[in-house]
C-alpha atoms as a PDB file:
ATOM      1  CA  MET A   1       0.000   0.000   0.000  1.00  0.00           C
ATOM      2  CA  ASN A   2       1.287   3.450  -0.989  1.00  0.00           C
ATOM      3  CA  TYR A   3       1.312   5.069   2.450  1.00  0.00           C
ATOM      4  CA  ILE A   4       2.761   8.362   3.668  1.00  0.00           C
ATOM      5  CA  GLY A   5       5.435   7.762   6.267  1.00  0.00           C
ATOM      6  CA  SER A   6       5.739   4.040   5.526  1.00  0.00           C
ATOM      7  CA  LYS A   7       8.887   2.578   7.061  1.00  0.00           C
ATOM      8  CA  TYR A   8       9.134  -0.249   4.539  1.00  0.00           C
ATOM      9  CA  SER A   9      12.446   1.018   3.126  1.00  0.00           C
ATOM     10  CA  LEU A  10      13.798   1.789   6.603  1.00  0.00           C
ATOM     11  CA  ILE A  11      13.145  -1.524   8.368  1.00  0.00           C
ATOM     12  CA  ASP A  12      16.783  -2.624   8.329  1.00  0.00           C
ATOM     13  CA  PHE A  13      17.865   0.766   9.702  1.00  0.00           C
ATOM     14  CA  LEU A  14      15.281   0.576  12.494  1.00  0.00           C
ATOM     15  CA  LYS A  15      16.122  -3.010  13.411  1.00  0.00           C
ATOM     16  CA  SER A  16      19.871  -2.444  13.526  1.00  0.00           C
ATOM     17  CA  SER A  17      19.504   0.756  15.567  1.00  0.00           C
ATOM     18  CA  ILE A  18      17.175  -0.856  18.091  1.00  0.00           C
ATOM     19  CA  ASP A  19      19.356  -3.966  18.323  1.00  0.00           C
ATOM     20  CA  LYS A  20      22.432  -1.804  18.925  1.00  0.00           C
ATOM     21  CA  THR A  21      20.652   0.113  21.689  1.00  0.00           C
ATOM     22  CA  LEU A  22      19.648  -3.105  23.452  1.00  0.00           C
ATOM     23  CA  GLU A  23      23.137  -4.524  23.072  1.00  0.00           C
ATOM     24  CA  ASN A  24      24.803  -1.385  24.460  1.00  0.00           C
ATOM     25  CA  SER A  25      22.515  -1.442  27.486  1.00  0.00           C
ATOM     26  CA  ASN A  26      23.416  -5.102  28.147  1.00  0.00           C
ATOM     27  CA  GLU A  27      19.856  -6.323  27.572  1.00  0.00           C
ATOM     28  CA  SER A  28      20.066 -10.100  27.979  1.00  0.00           C
ATOM     29  CA  ARG A  29      16.490 -11.159  27.265  1.00  0.00           C
ATOM     30  CA  GLN A  30      15.467 -12.815  24.010  1.00  0.00           C
ATOM     31  CA  ALA A  31      12.834 -11.326  21.675  1.00  0.00           C
ATOM     32  CA  SER A  32      10.313 -13.975  22.749  1.00  0.00           C
ATOM     33  CA  GLU A  33      10.546 -12.671  26.318  1.00  0.00           C
ATOM     34  CA  MET A  34       9.843  -9.039  25.416  1.00  0.00           C
ATOM     35  CA  ILE A  35       6.869  -6.865  24.490  1.00  0.00           C
ATOM     36  CA  PHE A  36       7.215  -4.464  21.555  1.00  0.00           C
ATOM     37  CA  ALA A  37       4.589  -1.711  21.183  1.00  0.00           C
ATOM     38  CA  ASP A  38       3.911   0.100  17.903  1.00  0.00           C
ATOM     39  CA  LEU A  39       1.293   2.713  18.777  1.00  0.00           C
ATOM     40  CA  PHE A  40       1.144   4.668  15.487  1.00  0.00           C
ATOM     41  CA  ALA A  41       1.152   1.462  13.489  1.00  0.00           C
ATOM     42  CA  GLY A  42      -0.160   2.608  10.090  1.00  0.00           C
ATOM     43  CA  THR A  43      -0.096  -0.452   7.846  1.00  0.00           C
ATOM     44  CA  GLY A  44       1.769  -2.575  10.406  1.00  0.00           C
ATOM     45  CA  ILE A  45       5.139  -2.687   8.643  1.00  0.00           C
ATOM     46  CA  VAL A  46       7.237  -2.140  11.768  1.00  0.00           C
ATOM     47  CA  GLY A  47       5.120  -4.093  14.243  1.00  0.00           C
ATOM     48  CA  GLY A  48       4.808  -6.972  11.773  1.00  0.00           C
ATOM     49  CA  SER A  49       8.543  -7.092  11.237  1.00  0.00           C
ATOM     50  CA  PHE A  50       9.235  -7.333  14.969  1.00  0.00           C
ATOM     51  CA  LYS A  51       6.445  -9.887  15.319  1.00  0.00           C
ATOM     52  CA  GLU A  52       8.329 -12.117  12.876  1.00  0.00           C
ATOM     53  CA  GLN A  53      11.410 -11.744  15.093  1.00  0.00           C
ATOM     54  CA  GLY A  54       9.471 -13.303  17.963  1.00  0.00           C
ATOM     55  CA  TYR A  55       8.377 -10.279  19.990  1.00  0.00           C
ATOM     56  CA  SER A  56       4.928 -10.088  21.565  1.00  0.00           C
ATOM     57  CA  ILE A  57       3.324  -7.086  19.880  1.00  0.00           C
ATOM     58  CA  ILE A  58       0.977  -4.342  21.037  1.00  0.00           C
ATOM     59  CA  ALA A  59      -0.195  -2.332  18.024  1.00  0.00           C
ATOM     60  CA  ASN A  60      -2.539   0.622  17.691  1.00  0.00           C
ATOM     61  CA  ASP A  61      -3.817   3.231  15.277  1.00  0.00           C
ATOM     62  CA  ILE A  62      -6.625   5.759  15.614  1.00  0.00           C
ATOM     63  CA  GLN A  63      -7.634   5.311  11.961  1.00  0.00           C
ATOM     64  CA  TYR A  64     -10.080   2.427  11.579  1.00  0.00           C
ATOM     65  CA  TYR A  65      -8.840   1.309   8.147  1.00  0.00           C
ATOM     66  CA  SER A  66      -5.376   1.005   9.670  1.00  0.00           C
ATOM     67  CA  TYR A  67      -6.792  -0.905  12.641  1.00  0.00           C
ATOM     68  CA  VAL A  68      -8.387  -3.398  10.242  1.00  0.00           C
ATOM     69  CA  ILE A  69      -5.110  -4.036   8.434  1.00  0.00           C
ATOM     70  CA  ILE A  70      -3.005  -4.409  11.588  1.00  0.00           C
ATOM     71  CA  LYS A  71      -5.727  -6.502  13.225  1.00  0.00           C
ATOM     72  CA  HIS A  72      -4.860  -9.057  10.555  1.00  0.00           C
ATOM     73  CA  MET A  73      -1.121  -8.416  10.241  1.00  0.00           C
ATOM     74  CA  ILE A  74      -0.453  -8.510  13.983  1.00  0.00           C
ATOM     75  CA  GLU A  75      -3.111 -10.746  15.575  1.00  0.00           C
ATOM     76  CA  ASN A  76      -3.518 -13.396  12.880  1.00  0.00           C
ATOM     77  CA  ASN A  77      -1.072 -16.295  13.056  1.00  0.00           C
ATOM     78  CA  GLY A  78      -1.952 -19.967  12.980  1.00  0.00           C
ATOM     79  CA  ASN A  79      -5.615 -19.094  13.490  1.00  0.00           C
ATOM     80  CA  LEU A  80      -6.134 -18.885   9.715  1.00  0.00           C
ATOM     81  CA  ASN A  81      -6.439 -21.801   7.317  1.00  0.00           C
ATOM     82  CA  GLU A  82      -4.549 -20.629   4.244  1.00  0.00           C
ATOM     83  CA  GLU A  83      -6.377 -22.959   1.860  1.00  0.00           C
ATOM     84  CA  ARG A  84      -9.769 -21.743   3.099  1.00  0.00           C
ATOM     85  CA  CYS A  85      -8.621 -18.110   2.907  1.00  0.00           C
ATOM     86  CA  GLN A  86      -7.599 -18.584  -0.714  1.00  0.00           C
ATOM     87  CA  LYS A  87     -11.012 -20.079  -1.551  1.00  0.00           C
ATOM     88  CA  LEU A  88     -12.770 -17.111   0.090  1.00  0.00           C
ATOM     89  CA  ILE A  89     -10.645 -14.720  -1.989  1.00  0.00           C
ATOM     90  CA  GLU A  90     -11.533 -16.637  -5.159  1.00  0.00           C
ATOM     91  CA  LYS A  91     -15.272 -16.461  -4.356  1.00  0.00           C
ATOM     92  CA  LEU A  92     -15.084 -12.704  -3.833  1.00  0.00           C
ATOM     93  CA  ASN A  93     -13.165 -12.154  -7.054  1.00  0.00           C
ATOM     94  CA  VAL A  94     -15.929 -13.605  -9.242  1.00  0.00           C
ATOM     95  CA  ILE A  95     -18.966 -11.837  -7.762  1.00  0.00           C
ATOM     96  CA  GLU A  96     -20.817  -9.231  -9.834  1.00  0.00           C
ATOM     97  CA  GLY A  97     -20.493  -5.559  -9.030  1.00  0.00           C
ATOM     98  CA  ILE A  98     -23.166  -3.616  -7.107  1.00  0.00           C
ATOM     99  CA  GLU A  99     -24.076   0.065  -7.375  1.00  0.00           C
ATOM    100  CA  GLY A 100     -23.437   0.691  -3.690  1.00  0.00           C
ATOM    101  CA  PHE A 101     -22.188   3.636  -1.633  1.00  0.00           C
ATOM    102  CA  LEU A 102     -18.753   3.779  -3.224  1.00  0.00           C
ATOM    103  CA  TYR A 103     -20.125   3.747  -6.763  1.00  0.00           C
ATOM    104  CA  GLN A 104     -22.873   6.252  -5.988  1.00  0.00           C
ATOM    105  CA  ASN A 105     -20.533   8.799  -4.411  1.00  0.00           C
ATOM    106  CA  TYR A 106     -16.987   8.293  -5.706  1.00  0.00           C
ATOM    107  CA  SER A 107     -17.224   7.168  -9.351  1.00  0.00           C
ATOM    108  CA  PHE A 108     -17.940   9.308 -12.417  1.00  0.00           C
ATOM    109  CA  GLY A 109     -20.970   7.287 -13.477  1.00  0.00           C
ATOM    110  CA  GLY A 110     -22.430   7.143  -9.990  1.00  0.00           C
ATOM    111  CA  THR A 111     -22.179  10.906  -9.405  1.00  0.00           C
ATOM    112  CA  GLU A 112     -23.881  11.895 -12.665  1.00  0.00           C
ATOM    113  CA  GLY A 113     -26.308  14.749 -11.981  1.00  0.00           C
ATOM    114  CA  GLN A 114     -24.725  15.547  -8.610  1.00  0.00           C
ATOM    115  CA  GLU A 115     -22.993  18.786  -7.688  1.00  0.00           C
ATOM    116  CA  PHE A 116     -19.588  17.103  -7.818  1.00  0.00           C
ATOM    117  CA  ARG A 117     -18.616  14.499 -10.432  1.00  0.00           C
ATOM    118  CA  ARG A 118     -16.031  12.503  -8.513  1.00  0.00           C
ATOM    119  CA  MET A 119     -13.646  10.063 -10.142  1.00  0.00           C
ATOM    120  CA  TYR A 120     -11.759   8.291  -7.366  1.00  0.00           C
ATOM    121  CA  PHE A 121     -12.334   4.914  -9.012  1.00  0.00           C
ATOM    122  CA  SER A 122     -13.545   3.593 -12.341  1.00  0.00           C
ATOM    123  CA  ASP A 123     -17.240   2.746 -12.383  1.00  0.00           C
ATOM    124  CA  GLU A 124     -16.549  -0.975 -12.582  1.00  0.00           C
ATOM    125  CA  ASN A 125     -13.968  -1.022  -9.797  1.00  0.00           C
ATOM    126  CA  ALA A 126     -16.220   1.029  -7.516  1.00  0.00           C
ATOM    127  CA  LYS A 127     -19.077  -1.441  -8.085  1.00  0.00           C
ATOM    128  CA  LYS A 128     -16.766  -4.406  -7.553  1.00  0.00           C
ATOM    129  CA  CYS A 129     -15.465  -2.936  -4.298  1.00  0.00           C
ATOM    130  CA  ASP A 130     -19.053  -2.310  -3.113  1.00  0.00           C
ATOM    131  CA  ALA A 131     -20.016  -5.895  -3.875  1.00  0.00           C
ATOM    132  CA  ILE A 132     -17.010  -7.391  -2.107  1.00  0.00           C
ATOM    133  CA  ARG A 133     -17.438  -5.130   0.931  1.00  0.00           C
ATOM    134  CA  ILE A 134     -21.132  -5.950   1.264  1.00  0.00           C
ATOM    135  CA  THR A 135     -20.482  -9.689   0.860  1.00  0.00           C
ATOM    136  CA  ILE A 136     -17.732  -9.721   3.511  1.00  0.00           C
ATOM    137  CA  GLU A 137     -20.109  -8.027   5.962  1.00  0.00           C
ATOM    138  CA  GLN A 138     -22.941 -10.425   5.158  1.00  0.00           C
ATOM    139  CA  TRP A 139     -20.692 -13.435   5.684  1.00  0.00           C
ATOM    140  CA  TYR A 140     -19.533 -12.018   8.998  1.00  0.00           C
ATOM    141  CA  GLN A 141     -22.999 -11.141  10.283  1.00  0.00           C
ATOM    142  CA  ASN A 142     -24.266 -14.597   9.278  1.00  0.00           C
ATOM    143  CA  CYS A 143     -21.320 -16.252  11.111  1.00  0.00           C
ATOM    144  CA  GLU A 144     -20.059 -17.761   7.866  1.00  0.00           C
ATOM    145  CA  ILE A 145     -16.554 -16.455   8.556  1.00  0.00           C
ATOM    146  CA  THR A 146     -14.599 -16.023  11.804  1.00  0.00           C
ATOM    147  CA  ASP A 147     -13.298 -12.771  13.303  1.00  0.00           C
ATOM    148  CA  HIS A 148      -9.826 -13.636  12.021  1.00  0.00           C
ATOM    149  CA  GLU A 149     -11.113 -14.274   8.497  1.00  0.00           C
ATOM    150  CA  TYR A 150     -13.158 -11.072   8.577  1.00  0.00           C
ATOM    151  CA  TYR A 151     -10.131  -8.860   9.243  1.00  0.00           C
ATOM    152  CA  PHE A 152      -8.046 -10.820   6.748  1.00  0.00           C
ATOM    153  CA  LEU A 153     -10.612 -10.283   3.990  1.00  0.00           C
ATOM    154  CA  LEU A 154     -11.407  -6.673   4.847  1.00  0.00           C
ATOM    155  CA  GLY A 155      -7.740  -5.767   5.204  1.00  0.00           C
ATOM    156  CA  SER A 156      -7.047  -7.423   1.851  1.00  0.00           C
ATOM    157  CA  LEU A 157      -9.825  -5.367   0.245  1.00  0.00           C
ATOM    158  CA  ILE A 158      -8.484  -2.071   1.623  1.00  0.00           C
ATOM    159  CA  ASN A 159      -4.964  -2.911   0.517  1.00  0.00           C
ATOM    160  CA  SER A 160      -6.143  -4.058  -2.923  1.00  0.00           C
ATOM    161  CA  ILE A 161      -8.528  -1.250  -3.849  1.00  0.00           C
ATOM    162  CA  ASP A 162      -5.872   1.347  -3.035  1.00  0.00           C
ATOM    163  CA  LYS A 163      -3.848   0.088  -6.002  1.00  0.00           C
ATOM    164  CA  TYR A 164      -6.673   1.064  -8.367  1.00  0.00           C
ATOM    165  CA  ALA A 165      -7.384   4.518  -6.943  1.00  0.00           C
ATOM    166  CA  ASN A 166      -7.437   7.363  -9.465  1.00  0.00           C
ATOM    167  CA  THR A 167      -5.262   9.638  -7.332  1.00  0.00           C
ATOM    168  CA  ALA A 168      -1.693  10.935  -7.310  1.00  0.00           C
ATOM    169  CA  SER A 169      -1.169   9.040  -4.046  1.00  0.00           C
ATOM    170  CA  VAL A 170      -3.566  10.136  -1.303  1.00  0.00           C
ATOM    171  CA  TYR A 171      -7.313  10.806  -1.293  1.00  0.00           C
ATOM    172  CA  GLY A 172      -7.176  14.574  -0.802  1.00  0.00           C
ATOM    173  CA  ALA A 173      -7.942  14.871  -4.526  1.00  0.00           C
ATOM    174  CA  TYR A 174      -8.738  12.737  -7.565  1.00  0.00           C
ATOM    175  CA  LEU A 175      -7.407  12.996 -11.108  1.00  0.00           C
ATOM    176  CA  LYS A 176      -9.496  14.465 -13.931  1.00  0.00           C
ATOM    177  CA  HIS A 177      -8.969  11.438 -16.152  1.00  0.00           C
ATOM    178  CA  LEU A 178      -8.550   7.774 -15.275  1.00  0.00           C
ATOM    179  CA  LYS A 179      -4.870   6.861 -15.129  1.00  0.00           C
ATOM    180  CA  LYS A 180      -3.723   3.499 -16.500  1.00  0.00           C
ATOM    181  CA  SER A 181      -3.642   1.666 -13.160  1.00  0.00           C
ATOM    182  CA  ALA A 182      -7.168   2.909 -12.348  1.00  0.00           C
ATOM    183  CA  GLN A 183      -8.483   1.558 -15.649  1.00  0.00           C
ATOM    184  CA  LYS A 184      -7.399  -2.006 -14.890  1.00  0.00           C
ATOM    185  CA  PRO A 185     -10.087  -4.353 -13.501  1.00  0.00           C
ATOM    186  CA  MET A 186      -9.719  -4.744  -9.763  1.00  0.00           C
ATOM    187  CA  THR A 187      -8.416  -8.058  -8.429  1.00  0.00           C
ATOM    188  CA  LEU A 188      -8.675  -8.828  -4.732  1.00  0.00           C
ATOM    189  CA  ALA A 189      -5.219  -9.919  -3.569  1.00  0.00           C
ATOM    190  CA  PRO A 190      -4.689 -11.545  -0.163  1.00  0.00           C
ATOM    191  CA  LEU A 191      -2.570  -9.872   2.481  1.00  0.00           C
ATOM    192  CA  PRO A 192       0.281 -12.078   3.700  1.00  0.00           C
ATOM    193  CA  ILE A 193      -0.096 -14.056   6.919  1.00  0.00           C
ATOM    194  CA  MET A 194       2.808 -13.061   9.154  1.00  0.00           C
ATOM    195  CA  ARG A 195       3.914 -15.798  11.510  1.00  0.00           C
ATOM    196  CA  GLY A 196       5.203 -14.862  14.937  1.00  0.00           C
ATOM    197  CA  HIS A 197       4.384 -14.641  18.629  1.00  0.00           C
ATOM    198  CA  VAL A 198       0.771 -15.597  19.341  1.00  0.00           C
ATOM    199  CA  ASP A 199       0.425 -13.144  22.232  1.00  0.00           C
ATOM    200  CA  CYS A 200      -0.318  -9.989  20.236  1.00  0.00           C
ATOM    201  CA  LYS A 201      -2.996  -7.333  20.764  1.00  0.00           C
ATOM    202  CA  VAL A 202      -4.307  -4.551  18.516  1.00  0.00           C
ATOM    203  CA  PHE A 203      -6.136  -1.368  19.555  1.00  0.00           C
ATOM    204  CA  ASN A 204      -8.074   1.404  17.802  1.00  0.00           C
ATOM    205  CA  GLU A 205      -7.646   4.241  20.312  1.00  0.00           C
ATOM    206  CA  ASP A 206      -6.152   7.680  20.810  1.00  0.00           C
ATOM    207  CA  VAL A 207      -2.535   7.094  21.774  1.00  0.00           C
ATOM    208  CA  SER A 208      -2.662   9.633  24.634  1.00  0.00           C
ATOM    209  CA  ALA A 209      -5.315   7.529  26.381  1.00  0.00           C
ATOM    210  CA  LEU A 210      -3.931   4.109  25.430  1.00  0.00           C
ATOM    211  CA  ILE A 211      -0.427   4.830  26.745  1.00  0.00           C
ATOM    212  CA  LYS A 212      -1.813   4.867  30.292  1.00  0.00           C
ATOM    213  CA  LYS A 213      -3.249   1.361  29.910  1.00  0.00           C
ATOM    214  CA  VAL A 214      -0.427  -0.601  28.282  1.00  0.00           C
ATOM    215  CA  SER A 215       3.104  -1.514  29.319  1.00  0.00           C
ATOM    216  CA  GLY A 216       6.036  -3.457  27.965  1.00  0.00           C
ATOM    217  CA  ASP A 217       9.715  -3.333  27.096  1.00  0.00           C
ATOM    218  CA  ILE A 218      10.156  -1.472  23.796  1.00  0.00           C
ATOM    219  CA  LEU A 219       7.935   1.404  22.688  1.00  0.00           C
ATOM    220  CA  TYR A 220       8.200   2.496  19.061  1.00  0.00           C
ATOM    221  CA  LEU A 221       6.573   5.815  18.130  1.00  0.00           C
ATOM    222  CA  ASP A 222       6.014   6.945  14.552  1.00  0.00           C
ATOM    223  CA  PRO A 223       3.593   9.896  14.850  1.00  0.00           C
ATOM    224  CA  PRO A 224       2.659  12.270  12.015  1.00  0.00           C
ATOM    225  CA  TYR A 225       5.504  14.687  11.334  1.00  0.00           C
ATOM    226  CA  ASN A 226       3.590  17.610   9.835  1.00  0.00           C
ATOM    227  CA  ALA A 227       0.204  19.341   9.719  1.00  0.00           C
ATOM    228  CA  ARG A 228      -1.373  16.970   7.199  1.00  0.00           C
ATOM    229  CA  GLN A 229      -3.954  14.773   8.885  1.00  0.00           C
ATOM    230  CA  TYR A 230      -4.155  11.097   7.920  1.00  0.00           C
ATOM    231  CA  CYS A 231      -7.923  11.169   8.437  1.00  0.00           C
ATOM    232  CA  THR A 232      -8.331  13.504   5.446  1.00  0.00           C
ATOM    233  CA  ASN A 233      -5.566  11.992   3.323  1.00  0.00           C
ATOM    234  CA  TYR A 234      -7.151   8.534   3.560  1.00  0.00           C
ATOM    235  CA  HIS A 235     -10.820   9.347   4.224  1.00  0.00           C
ATOM    236  CA  LEU A 236     -12.056   7.063   1.465  1.00  0.00           C
ATOM    237  CA  LEU A 237     -10.280   4.015   2.892  1.00  0.00           C
ATOM    238  CA  GLU A 238     -11.906   4.854   6.234  1.00  0.00           C
ATOM    239  CA  THR A 239     -15.328   4.810   4.567  1.00  0.00           C
ATOM    240  CA  ILE A 240     -14.622   1.498   2.831  1.00  0.00           C
ATOM    241  CA  ALA A 241     -13.445  -0.009   6.119  1.00  0.00           C
ATOM    242  CA  ARG A 242     -16.459   1.165   8.107  1.00  0.00           C
ATOM    243  CA  TYR A 243     -18.964   1.074   5.226  1.00  0.00           C
ATOM    244  CA  ASP A 244     -21.273   3.158   7.377  1.00  0.00           C
ATOM    245  CA  ASN A 245     -22.887   5.346   4.690  1.00  0.00           C
ATOM    246  CA  PRO A 246     -21.574   8.577   6.236  1.00  0.00           C
ATOM    247  CA  ILE A 247     -22.754  12.063   5.441  1.00  0.00           C
ATOM    248  CA  ILE A 248     -20.120  13.452   3.088  1.00  0.00           C
ATOM    249  CA  HIS A 249     -19.438  16.945   1.853  1.00  0.00           C
ATOM    250  CA  GLY A 250     -17.397  18.985  -0.570  1.00  0.00           C
ATOM    251  CA  LYS A 251     -15.661  18.258  -3.842  1.00  0.00           C
ATOM    252  CA  THR A 252     -13.721  15.337  -2.384  1.00  0.00           C
ATOM    253  CA  GLY A 253     -16.603  13.780  -0.438  1.00  0.00           C
ATOM    254  CA  LEU A 254     -15.021  14.078   2.998  1.00  0.00           C
ATOM    255  CA  ARG A 255     -16.607  12.329   5.969  1.00  0.00           C
ATOM    256  CA  GLU A 256     -16.676  13.769   9.505  1.00  0.00           C
ATOM    257  CA  TYR A 257     -13.242  13.296  11.031  1.00  0.00           C
ATOM    258  CA  SER A 258     -12.934  15.616  14.051  1.00  0.00           C
ATOM    259  CA  GLU A 259     -12.521  12.731  16.529  1.00  0.00           C
ATOM    260  CA  GLN A 260      -9.611  11.315  14.539  1.00  0.00           C
ATOM    261  CA  LYS A 261      -7.501  14.461  14.288  1.00  0.00           C
ATOM    262  CA  SER A 262      -4.041  14.031  15.780  1.00  0.00           C
ATOM    263  CA  VAL A 263      -2.498  16.594  18.139  1.00  0.00           C
ATOM    264  CA  PHE A 264       0.839  15.552  16.630  1.00  0.00           C
ATOM    265  CA  CYS A 265      -0.226  17.503  13.523  1.00  0.00           C
ATOM    266  CA  ASN A 266      -0.684  20.670  15.570  1.00  0.00           C
ATOM    267  CA  LYS A 267       2.346  22.952  15.922  1.00  0.00           C
ATOM    268  CA  GLN A 268       1.007  24.469  19.148  1.00  0.00           C
ATOM    269  CA  LYS A 269       0.183  21.153  20.831  1.00  0.00           C
ATOM    270  CA  VAL A 270       2.721  18.623  19.612  1.00  0.00           C
ATOM    271  CA  GLU A 271       5.530  19.296  22.119  1.00  0.00           C
ATOM    272  CA  ARG A 272       3.281  19.001  25.143  1.00  0.00           C
ATOM    273  CA  ALA A 273       1.599  15.884  23.745  1.00  0.00           C
ATOM    274  CA  PHE A 274       4.973  14.259  23.128  1.00  0.00           C
ATOM    275  CA  ALA A 275       6.236  15.062  26.617  1.00  0.00           C
ATOM    276  CA  GLU A 276       3.055  13.647  28.173  1.00  0.00           C
ATOM    277  CA  LEU A 277       3.411  10.496  26.095  1.00  0.00           C
ATOM    278  CA  LEU A 278       6.930   9.921  27.400  1.00  0.00           C
ATOM    279  CA  LYS A 279       5.893  10.719  30.949  1.00  0.00           C
ATOM    280  CA  ASN A 280       3.077   8.154  30.913  1.00  0.00           C
ATOM    281  CA  ALA A 281       4.955   5.453  28.986  1.00  0.00           C
ATOM    282  CA  GLN A 282       5.553   2.303  31.044  1.00  0.00           C
ATOM    283  CA  PHE A 283       8.425   1.092  28.856  1.00  0.00           C
ATOM    284  CA  LYS A 284      12.175   1.028  29.412  1.00  0.00           C
ATOM    285  CA  TYR A 285      13.256   1.560  25.789  1.00  0.00           C
ATOM    286  CA  ILE A 286      11.510   4.248  23.752  1.00  0.00           C
ATOM    287  CA  PHE A 287      12.243   4.979  20.085  1.00  0.00           C
ATOM    288  CA  LEU A 288      10.857   7.876  18.057  1.00  0.00           C
ATOM    289  CA  SER A 289      10.943   8.001  14.251  1.00  0.00           C
ATOM    290  CA  TYR A 290      10.969  11.587  12.999  1.00  0.00           C
ATOM    291  CA  ASN A 291      12.497  13.360  10.024  1.00  0.00           C
ATOM    292  CA  ASN A 292      14.299  16.655   9.580  1.00  0.00           C
ATOM    293  CA  GLU A 293      11.187  18.428   8.227  1.00  0.00           C
ATOM    294  CA  GLY A 294       8.848  17.694  11.131  1.00  0.00           C
ATOM    295  CA  LEU A 295       6.981  20.122  13.396  1.00  0.00           C
ATOM    296  CA  MET A 296       9.398  19.394  16.242  1.00  0.00           C
ATOM    297  CA  SER A 297      13.052  20.227  15.711  1.00  0.00           C
ATOM    298  CA  LEU A 298      15.921  17.859  16.472  1.00  0.00           C
ATOM    299  CA  ASP A 299      16.931  20.039  19.434  1.00  0.00           C
ATOM    300  CA  THR A 300      13.396  20.096  20.813  1.00  0.00           C
ATOM    301  CA  ILE A 301      13.084  16.320  20.720  1.00  0.00           C
ATOM    302  CA  GLU A 302      16.468  15.869  22.358  1.00  0.00           C
ATOM    303  CA  ARG A 303      15.597  18.366  25.108  1.00  0.00           C
ATOM    304  CA  ILE A 304      12.298  16.643  25.899  1.00  0.00           C
ATOM    305  CA  MET A 305      13.649  13.097  25.830  1.00  0.00           C
ATOM    306  CA  LYS A 306      16.642  13.903  28.032  1.00  0.00           C
ATOM    307  CA  LYS A 307      14.231  14.833  30.820  1.00  0.00           C
ATOM    308  CA  PHE A 308      13.268  11.179  31.136  1.00  0.00           C
ATOM    309  CA  GLY A 309      16.554   9.316  30.855  1.00  0.00           C
ATOM    310  CA  LYS A 310      19.543   8.507  28.665  1.00  0.00           C
ATOM    311  CA  TYR A 311      19.280   9.816  25.086  1.00  0.00           C
ATOM    312  CA  ALA A 312      20.908   8.896  21.772  1.00  0.00           C
ATOM    313  CA  VAL A 313      20.028   9.320  18.101  1.00  0.00           C
ATOM    314  CA  PHE A 314      20.612   7.432  14.831  1.00  0.00           C
ATOM    315  CA  MET A 315      20.077   8.912  11.377  1.00  0.00           C
ATOM    316  CA  LYS A 316      19.699   7.823   7.772  1.00  0.00           C
ATOM    317  CA  GLU A 317      19.120   9.702   4.524  1.00  0.00           C
ATOM    318  CA  TYR A 318      16.479   8.280   2.205  1.00  0.00           C
ATOM    319  CA  ARG A 319      14.372   9.227  -0.808  1.00  0.00           C
ATOM    320  CA  ARG A 320      11.303  11.360  -0.199  1.00  0.00           C
ATOM    321  CA  PHE A 321       7.834   9.821  -0.415  1.00  0.00           C
ATOM    322  CA  LYS A 322       6.923  10.360  -4.083  1.00  0.00           C
ATOM    323  CA  ALA A 323       3.723  12.304  -3.382  1.00  0.00           C
ATOM    324  CA  ASP A 324       5.806  14.989  -1.697  1.00  0.00           C
ATOM    325  CA  ASN A 325       7.711  15.835  -4.856  1.00  0.00           C
ATOM    326  CA  ALA A 326       4.822  17.932  -6.107  1.00  0.00           C
ATOM    327  CA  ARG A 327       4.913  20.095  -3.023  1.00  0.00           C
ATOM    328  CA  ASP A 328       7.157  23.017  -2.145  1.00  0.00           C
ATOM    329  CA  ALA A 329      10.014  20.924  -0.788  1.00  0.00           C
ATOM    330  CA  LYS A 330      12.745  20.761  -3.422  1.00  0.00           C
ATOM    331  CA  ALA A 331      15.073  18.149  -1.945  1.00  0.00           C
ATOM    332  CA  GLU A 332      14.689  14.656  -3.364  1.00  0.00           C
ATOM    333  CA  SER A 333      15.755  13.093  -0.083  1.00  0.00           C
ATOM    334  CA  THR A 334      15.159  13.645   3.583  1.00  0.00           C
ATOM    335  CA  VAL A 335      16.877  12.569   6.793  1.00  0.00           C
ATOM    336  CA  GLU A 336      15.155  10.095   9.083  1.00  0.00           C
ATOM    337  CA  TYR A 337      16.103  10.223  12.741  1.00  0.00           C
ATOM    338  CA  LEU A 338      15.525   7.431  15.218  1.00  0.00           C
ATOM    339  CA  HIS A 339      15.617   9.066  18.640  1.00  0.00           C
ATOM    340  CA  CYS A 340      16.352   6.638  21.470  1.00  0.00           C
ATOM    341  CA  LEU A 341      15.517   6.933  25.145  1.00  0.00           C
ATOM    342  CA  ILE A 342      16.402   4.516  27.929  1.00  0.00           C
ATOM    343  CA  LYS A 343      13.912   5.689  30.490  1.00  0.00           C
ATOM    344  CA  ASN A 344      14.865   6.236  34.128  1.00  0.00           C
END
């Protein structure tokens, strides 16, 4: 999935930096004896990677579409029958499209005669997504699939439909004409089943509240870096995940999102929120991913983290997320910092 802030290309950097920190602090426990928390989990790249290493994972994201994906990536292990999952995918791939909520509000054909002619998906792909989403819900409500299968199928749908979106990258706008990838017929592709520690738990809560209720050994934080809210950038995936027929408004068909806004996107609130997060964290090792263009400066983060224990930082230059190239920033690369705290 094409996701802002994805750490897919930085996994090796994160792993080696965290391993070095543990080694330097003479941590003797094995991964299977430790709890790793990823509380801004996004698509579960980091938490899933540490799950495969044997850690018990706590994962969280305030966005529901993200929760659905990580519910599968983190909690599903041997509780899924891969042969049955493949048959369910095959059944969904051959069903006929339906003129449902997605088609009626986010395709060109479905919005004919409306104030805004939206073109987030081709007519056929919007109808196919509606049909698959409705069928998954019917199966679940009729107890034809388990909880684990439900999140596997729904997460697979969210991940799949994103590949056919008629956008530059995020859902803040749609293109005026269908691009080549959006013209292709949608195929539902299964998300991988990541094997690892069976004792994993996923939440869909505000991190400031959740941090007071969880504890462990390693806390990894990857909050938003700038003022752009994920709830608006990915509002359409949220609607597909919930399929709750929301009231939408404006040219882009935004849903209500006030309860999902992050204080980490607010220049006036982010420093206090970060300090409170560290204060309430019941973890010995705390790692913060943040780049050199974020709302908090390198010096600010260092000053705050040093209040709570021993501080260090690792850094790596990497290519900018491609959607950013159209913005004001001229540099093709950015610097990712992994700030490390061994808490007193």
